[in-house]
């Protein structure tokens, strides 16, 4: 597995975790839990954004890491 594919896999996992956290926030009635899940979702989304930037940079510098879009 290449560095590029590992980073894409990590990004996909993080995006899934962010979506799960958003779902938990929507499904609970507990205001404190909703706030916690929403805060965690924002943190993970920020991490995703930073990692997406790094993936884009690497793909520009090293085209062999670019994932095919099919």
Protein backbone atom coordinates (compact mmCIF):
# COMPACT_ATOMS: atom_id res chain seq x y z
CA UNK A 1 0.00 0.00 0.00
CA UNK A 2 1.44 3.37 -0.99
CA UNK A 3 1.62 6.45 1.19
CA UNK A 4 -1.04 8.04 -1.01
CA UNK A 5 -3.48 5.17 -0.63
CA UNK A 6 -2.86 5.02 3.14
CA UNK A 7 -3.61 8.73 3.45
CA UNK A 8 -6.78 8.38 1.38
CA UNK A 9 -7.86 5.45 3.55
CA UNK A 10 -7.20 7.45 6.72
CA UNK A 11 -9.15 10.40 5.33
CA UNK A 12 -12.09 8.15 4.47
CA UNK A 13 -12.06 6.67 7.98
CA UNK A 14 -11.98 10.12 9.56
CA UNK A 15 -14.84 11.31 7.36
CA UNK A 16 -16.83 8.27 8.46
CA UNK A 17 -16.11 9.03 12.11
CA UNK A 18 -17.22 12.65 11.62
CA UNK A 19 -20.47 11.46 10.04
CA UNK A 20 -21.05 9.03 12.93
CA UNK A 21 -20.53 11.81 15.49
CA UNK A 22 -23.03 14.03 13.66
CA UNK A 23 -25.53 11.16 13.66
CA UNK A 24 -25.06 10.61 17.40
CA UNK A 25 -25.71 14.31 18.01
CA UNK A 26 -28.94 14.14 16.03
CA UNK A 27 -30.13 10.94 17.68
CA UNK A 28 -29.73 11.94 21.33
CA UNK A 29 -32.09 14.10 23.35
CA UNK A 30 -29.42 14.91 25.94
CA UNK A 31 -28.31 18.51 25.32
CA UNK A 32 -24.94 17.93 26.93
CA UNK A 33 -24.28 14.88 24.77
CA UNK A 34 -25.43 16.76 21.64
CA UNK A 35 -22.94 19.53 22.38
CA UNK A 36 -20.15 17.04 23.00
CA UNK A 37 -20.85 15.13 19.77
CA UNK A 38 -21.10 18.35 17.76
CA UNK A 39 -17.84 19.65 19.26
CA UNK A 40 -16.10 16.37 18.48
CA UNK A 41 -17.53 16.42 14.96
CA UNK A 42 -16.07 19.90 14.38
CA UNK A 43 -12.67 18.77 15.66
CA UNK A 44 -12.63 15.73 13.37
CA UNK A 45 -13.81 17.87 10.43
CA UNK A 46 -10.88 20.23 11.07
CA UNK A 47 -8.51 17.27 11.06
CA UNK A 48 -10.07 16.06 7.79
CA UNK A 49 -9.59 19.48 6.24
CA UNK A 50 -5.92 19.58 7.28
CA UNK A 51 -5.30 16.05 6.02
CA UNK A 52 -7.12 16.80 2.74
CA UNK A 53 -4.75 19.73 2.25
CA UNK A 54 -1.75 17.50 2.84
CA UNK A 55 -3.09 14.84 0.45
CA UNK A 56 -3.59 17.49 -2.23
CA UNK A 57 -0.06 18.81 -1.69
CA UNK A 58 1.47 15.34 -1.89
CA UNK A 59 -0.49 14.54 -5.04
CA UNK A 60 0.78 17.73 -6.67
CA UNK A 61 4.38 16.99 -5.69
CA UNK A 62 4.24 13.25 -6.32
CA UNK A 63 1.68 12.48 -9.06
CA UNK A 64 2.17 8.72 -8.60
CA UNK A 65 0.30 9.03 -5.27
CA UNK A 66 -2.79 10.47 -6.93
CA UNK A 67 -5.77 8.17 -6.59
CA UNK A 68 -7.66 7.41 -9.75
CA UNK A 69 -11.10 8.93 -9.97
CA UNK A 70 -13.31 6.42 -11.76
